[in-house]
Amino acid sequence: MKTTEEKVRENRARRAAERQGLVLKASRRRDPRALDFGCYALTDLWSGAIVAGVGGTGRFEFSLDDVEEYLNGDRREENENDGS
């Protein structure tokens, strides 16, 4: 079960994602032994396309820390470095 602090962080990340045109999705797994239990992904608000947090296996892979880092980081700079 999530602590109050984790719920607050998740809600803050949801609001930050929405301001950036993204949606924070939480894994629906209920088995704590599952690989993607408690993990997150970010999708585009309009198209629903996966933006970040999903690996080649299709499982959600971002932790809440990863989500916060992605939302607070300067992705424009990363895209320039990738040649995109």
N, C-alpha and C. Protein backbone atom coordinates (compact mmCIF):
# COMPACT_ATOMS: atom_id res chain seq x y z
N MET A 1 0.84 -1.18 0.00
CA MET A 1 0.00 0.00 0.00
C MET A 1 0.89 1.25 0.00
N LYS A 2 0.44 2.24 -0.73
CA LYS A 2 1.23 3.46 -0.85
C LYS A 2 1.10 4.31 0.40
N THR A 3 2.20 4.97 0.73
CA THR A 3 2.17 5.90 1.85
C THR A 3 1.56 7.22 1.38
N THR A 4 1.21 8.06 2.32
CA THR A 4 0.65 9.37 1.98
C THR A 4 1.64 10.17 1.15
N GLU A 5 2.91 10.09 1.50
CA GLU A 5 3.95 10.82 0.76
C GLU A 5 4.01 10.36 -0.70
N GLU A 6 3.92 9.05 -0.92
CA GLU A 6 3.94 8.53 -2.29
C GLU A 6 2.72 8.99 -3.07
N LYS A 7 1.57 9.00 -2.44
CA LYS A 7 0.34 9.46 -3.11
C LYS A 7 0.45 10.93 -3.48
N VAL A 8 1.02 11.73 -2.60
CA VAL A 8 1.19 13.16 -2.88
C VAL A 8 2.14 13.34 -4.06
N ARG A 9 3.25 12.60 -4.07
CA ARG A 9 4.21 12.69 -5.17
C ARG A 9 3.57 12.25 -6.49
N GLU A 10 2.78 11.18 -6.44
CA GLU A 10 2.12 10.69 -7.66
C GLU A 10 1.13 11.73 -8.18
N ASN A 11 0.34 12.31 -7.31
CA ASN A 11 -0.62 13.34 -7.73
C ASN A 11 0.08 14.57 -8.29
N ARG A 12 1.19 14.95 -7.68
CA ARG A 12 1.97 16.09 -8.18
C ARG A 12 2.52 15.78 -9.58
N ALA A 13 3.00 14.55 -9.76
CA ALA A 13 3.52 14.14 -11.07
C ALA A 13 2.40 14.11 -12.11
N ARG A 14 1.21 13.66 -11.71
CA ARG A 14 0.07 13.65 -12.64
C ARG A 14 -0.26 15.06 -13.12
N ARG A 15 -0.26 16.01 -12.20
CA ARG A 15 -0.56 17.40 -12.58
C ARG A 15 0.54 17.98 -13.48
N ALA A 16 1.79 17.69 -13.15
CA ALA A 16 2.91 18.17 -13.97
C ALA A 16 2.84 17.57 -15.37
N ALA A 17 2.51 16.29 -15.46
CA ALA A 17 2.38 15.63 -16.76
C ALA A 17 1.27 16.27 -17.58
N GLU A 18 0.14 16.53 -16.94
CA GLU A 18 -0.99 17.13 -17.66
C GLU A 18 -0.64 18.51 -18.20
N ARG A 19 0.12 19.28 -17.43
CA ARG A 19 0.54 20.60 -17.91
C ARG A 19 1.43 20.50 -19.13
N GLN A 20 2.09 19.35 -19.30
CA GLN A 20 2.99 19.14 -20.44
C GLN A 20 2.33 18.34 -21.55
N GLY A 21 1.02 18.14 -21.44
CA GLY A 21 0.30 17.41 -22.48
C GLY A 21 0.49 15.91 -22.40
N LEU A 22 0.78 15.41 -21.21
CA LEU A 22 1.02 13.99 -21.00
C LEU A 22 0.05 13.44 -19.96
N VAL A 23 -0.05 12.12 -19.91
CA VAL A 23 -0.87 11.44 -18.90
C VAL A 23 0.03 10.44 -18.20
N LEU A 24 0.01 10.46 -16.87
CA LEU A 24 0.76 9.48 -16.08
C LEU A 24 -0.12 8.25 -15.89
N LYS A 25 0.36 7.12 -16.36
CA LYS A 25 -0.36 5.85 -16.21
C LYS A 25 0.40 4.98 -15.23
N ALA A 26 -0.33 4.39 -14.30
CA ALA A 26 0.26 3.47 -13.34
C ALA A 26 -0.04 2.04 -13.78
N SER A 27 0.90 1.16 -13.53
CA SER A 27 0.69 -0.25 -13.83
C SER A 27 -0.51 -0.74 -13.03
N ARG A 28 -1.32 -1.57 -13.65
CA ARG A 28 -2.51 -2.08 -12.98
C ARG A 28 -2.24 -3.39 -12.25
N ARG A 29 -1.01 -3.84 -12.26
CA ARG A 29 -0.65 -5.08 -11.59
C ARG A 29 -0.91 -4.97 -10.09
N ARG A 30 -1.47 -6.02 -9.54
CA ARG A 30 -1.75 -6.04 -8.10
C ARG A 30 -0.85 -7.02 -7.35
N ASP A 31 -0.05 -7.76 -8.10
CA ASP A 31 0.86 -8.74 -7.52
C ASP A 31 2.20 -8.08 -7.27
N PRO A 32 2.58 -7.91 -6.00
CA PRO A 32 3.86 -7.24 -5.69
C PRO A 32 5.08 -7.96 -6.27
N ARG A 33 4.93 -9.22 -6.67
CA ARG A 33 6.05 -9.96 -7.25
C ARG A 33 6.18 -9.74 -8.76
N ALA A 34 5.18 -9.11 -9.37
CA ALA A 34 5.22 -8.84 -10.82
C ALA A 34 6.32 -7.82 -11.12
N LEU A 35 6.94 -7.98 -12.27
CA LEU A 35 8.06 -7.10 -12.63
C LEU A 35 7.64 -5.64 -12.76
N ASP A 36 6.41 -5.39 -13.20
CA ASP A 36 5.99 -4.00 -13.39
C ASP A 36 5.05 -3.50 -12.30
N PHE A 37 5.02 -4.18 -11.17
CA PHE A 37 4.20 -3.72 -10.05
C PHE A 37 4.75 -2.39 -9.53
N GLY A 38 3.86 -1.40 -9.40
CA GLY A 38 4.27 -0.10 -8.87
C GLY A 38 5.03 0.76 -9.87
N CYS A 39 4.99 0.40 -11.15
CA CYS A 39 5.72 1.16 -12.17
C CYS A 39 4.77 2.07 -12.93
N TYR A 40 5.36 2.99 -13.68
CA TYR A 40 4.61 4.03 -14.39
C TYR A 40 5.08 4.17 -15.82
N ALA A 41 4.23 4.82 -16.63
CA ALA A 41 4.58 5.22 -18.00
C ALA A 41 3.89 6.55 -18.28
N LEU A 42 4.40 7.26 -19.25
CA LEU A 42 3.81 8.53 -19.67
C LEU A 42 3.30 8.38 -21.09
N THR A 43 2.06 8.83 -21.32
CA THR A 43 1.47 8.78 -22.65
C THR A 43 1.06 10.17 -23.09
N ASP A 44 0.91 10.34 -24.39
CA ASP A 44 0.47 11.62 -24.94
C ASP A 44 -1.00 11.82 -24.60
N LEU A 45 -1.35 13.02 -24.14
CA LEU A 45 -2.71 13.32 -23.73
C LEU A 45 -3.70 13.17 -24.87
N TRP A 46 -3.32 13.54 -26.07
CA TRP A 46 -4.25 13.57 -27.20
C TRP A 46 -4.29 12.28 -27.98
N SER A 47 -3.14 11.71 -28.26
CA SER A 47 -3.10 10.51 -29.11
C SER A 47 -3.08 9.21 -28.32
N GLY A 48 -2.65 9.29 -27.07
CA GLY A 48 -2.53 8.08 -26.26
C GLY A 48 -1.25 7.31 -26.52
N ALA A 49 -0.41 7.84 -27.40
CA ALA A 49 0.85 7.18 -27.73
C ALA A 49 1.78 7.18 -26.52
N ILE A 50 2.53 6.12 -26.37
CA ILE A 50 3.48 6.02 -25.27
C ILE A 50 4.64 6.96 -25.54
N VAL A 51 4.96 7.78 -24.56
CA VAL A 51 6.03 8.76 -24.69
C VAL A 51 7.29 8.27 -23.97
N ALA A 52 7.13 7.70 -22.79
CA ALA A 52 8.29 7.27 -22.01
C ALA A 52 7.85 6.27 -20.95
N GLY A 53 8.78 5.45 -20.52
CA GLY A 53 8.54 4.56 -19.39
C GLY A 53 8.14 3.15 -19.74
N VAL A 54 8.18 2.80 -21.03
CA VAL A 54 7.84 1.43 -21.45
C VAL A 54 9.02 0.88 -22.23
N GLY A 55 9.45 -0.30 -21.82
CA GLY A 55 10.59 -0.92 -22.48
C GLY A 55 10.18 -1.77 -23.67
N GLY A 56 11.11 -2.48 -24.24
CA GLY A 56 10.85 -3.33 -25.40
C GLY A 56 9.88 -4.46 -25.13
N THR A 57 9.70 -4.80 -23.87
CA THR A 57 8.79 -5.89 -23.51
C THR A 57 7.35 -5.40 -23.40
N GLY A 58 7.15 -4.08 -23.42
CA GLY A 58 5.80 -3.52 -23.30
C GLY A 58 5.37 -3.28 -21.86
N ARG A 59 6.25 -3.59 -20.92
CA ARG A 59 5.91 -3.37 -19.51
C ARG A 59 6.26 -1.96 -19.09
N PHE A 60 5.49 -1.43 -18.14
CA PHE A 60 5.80 -0.14 -17.54
C PHE A 60 7.09 -0.30 -16.75
N GLU A 61 8.00 0.67 -16.90
CA GLU A 61 9.31 0.52 -16.27
C GLU A 61 9.74 1.71 -15.42
N PHE A 62 9.07 2.85 -15.52
CA PHE A 62 9.49 4.02 -14.75
C PHE A 62 9.09 3.90 -13.29
N SER A 63 10.01 4.26 -12.41
CA SER A 63 9.66 4.45 -11.00
C SER A 63 9.12 5.87 -10.87
N LEU A 64 8.60 6.21 -9.72
CA LEU A 64 8.12 7.57 -9.51
C LEU A 64 9.27 8.56 -9.61
N ASP A 65 10.45 8.17 -9.17
CA ASP A 65 11.64 9.02 -9.31
C ASP A 65 11.95 9.28 -10.79
N ASP A 66 11.86 8.23 -11.61
CA ASP A 66 12.11 8.37 -13.05
C ASP A 66 11.11 9.32 -13.69
N VAL A 67 9.84 9.20 -13.28
CA VAL A 67 8.79 10.08 -13.82
C VAL A 67 9.09 11.53 -13.48
N GLU A 68 9.41 11.78 -12.22
CA GLU A 68 9.72 13.15 -11.79
C GLU A 68 10.92 13.70 -12.53
N GLU A 69 11.94 12.89 -12.72
CA GLU A 69 13.15 13.32 -13.43
C GLU A 69 12.80 13.65 -14.89
N TYR A 70 12.00 12.81 -15.52
CA TYR A 70 11.62 13.04 -16.91
C TYR A 70 10.81 14.32 -17.03
N LEU A 71 9.85 14.52 -16.15
CA LEU A 71 8.98 15.70 -16.23
C LEU A 71 9.72 16.98 -15.88
N ASN A 72 10.71 16.92 -15.02
CA ASN A 72 11.45 18.11 -14.60
C ASN A 72 12.66 18.39 -15.48
N GLY A 73 13.06 17.41 -16.30
CA GLY A 73 14.24 17.57 -17.14
C GLY A 73 13.95 18.37 -18.38
N ASP A 74 15.00 18.80 -19.06
CA ASP A 74 14.88 19.55 -20.30
C ASP A 74 15.01 18.56 -21.45
N ARG A 75 13.88 18.04 -21.93
CA ARG A 75 13.89 17.03 -22.99
C ARG A 75 14.29 17.61 -24.33
N ARG A 76 14.11 18.90 -24.53
CA ARG A 76 14.53 19.50 -25.79
C ARG A 76 16.01 19.30 -26.00
N GLU A 77 16.78 19.46 -24.94
CA GLU A 77 18.22 19.29 -25.01
C GLU A 77 18.56 17.84 -25.34
N GLU A 78 17.84 16.87 -24.75
CA GLU A 78 18.08 15.46 -25.02
C GLU A 78 17.79 15.15 -26.48
N ASN A 79 16.68 15.69 -27.01
CA ASN A 79 16.31 15.43 -28.40
C ASN A 79 17.35 15.97 -29.36
N GLU A 80 17.93 17.11 -29.05
CA GLU A 80 18.99 17.68 -29.90
C GLU A 80 20.21 16.78 -29.92
N ASN A 81 20.53 16.17 -28.77
CA ASN A 81 21.68 15.30 -28.69
C ASN A 81 21.45 13.99 -29.43
N ASP A 82 20.19 13.55 -29.55
CA ASP A 82 19.85 12.32 -30.24
C ASP A 82 19.78 12.52 -31.76
N GLY A 83 19.82 13.74 -32.21
CA GLY A 83 19.71 14.03 -33.62
C GLY A 83 18.27 14.10 -34.09
N SER A 84 17.32 14.11 -33.16
CA SER A 84 15.90 14.18 -33.53
C SER A 84 15.47 15.58 -33.83
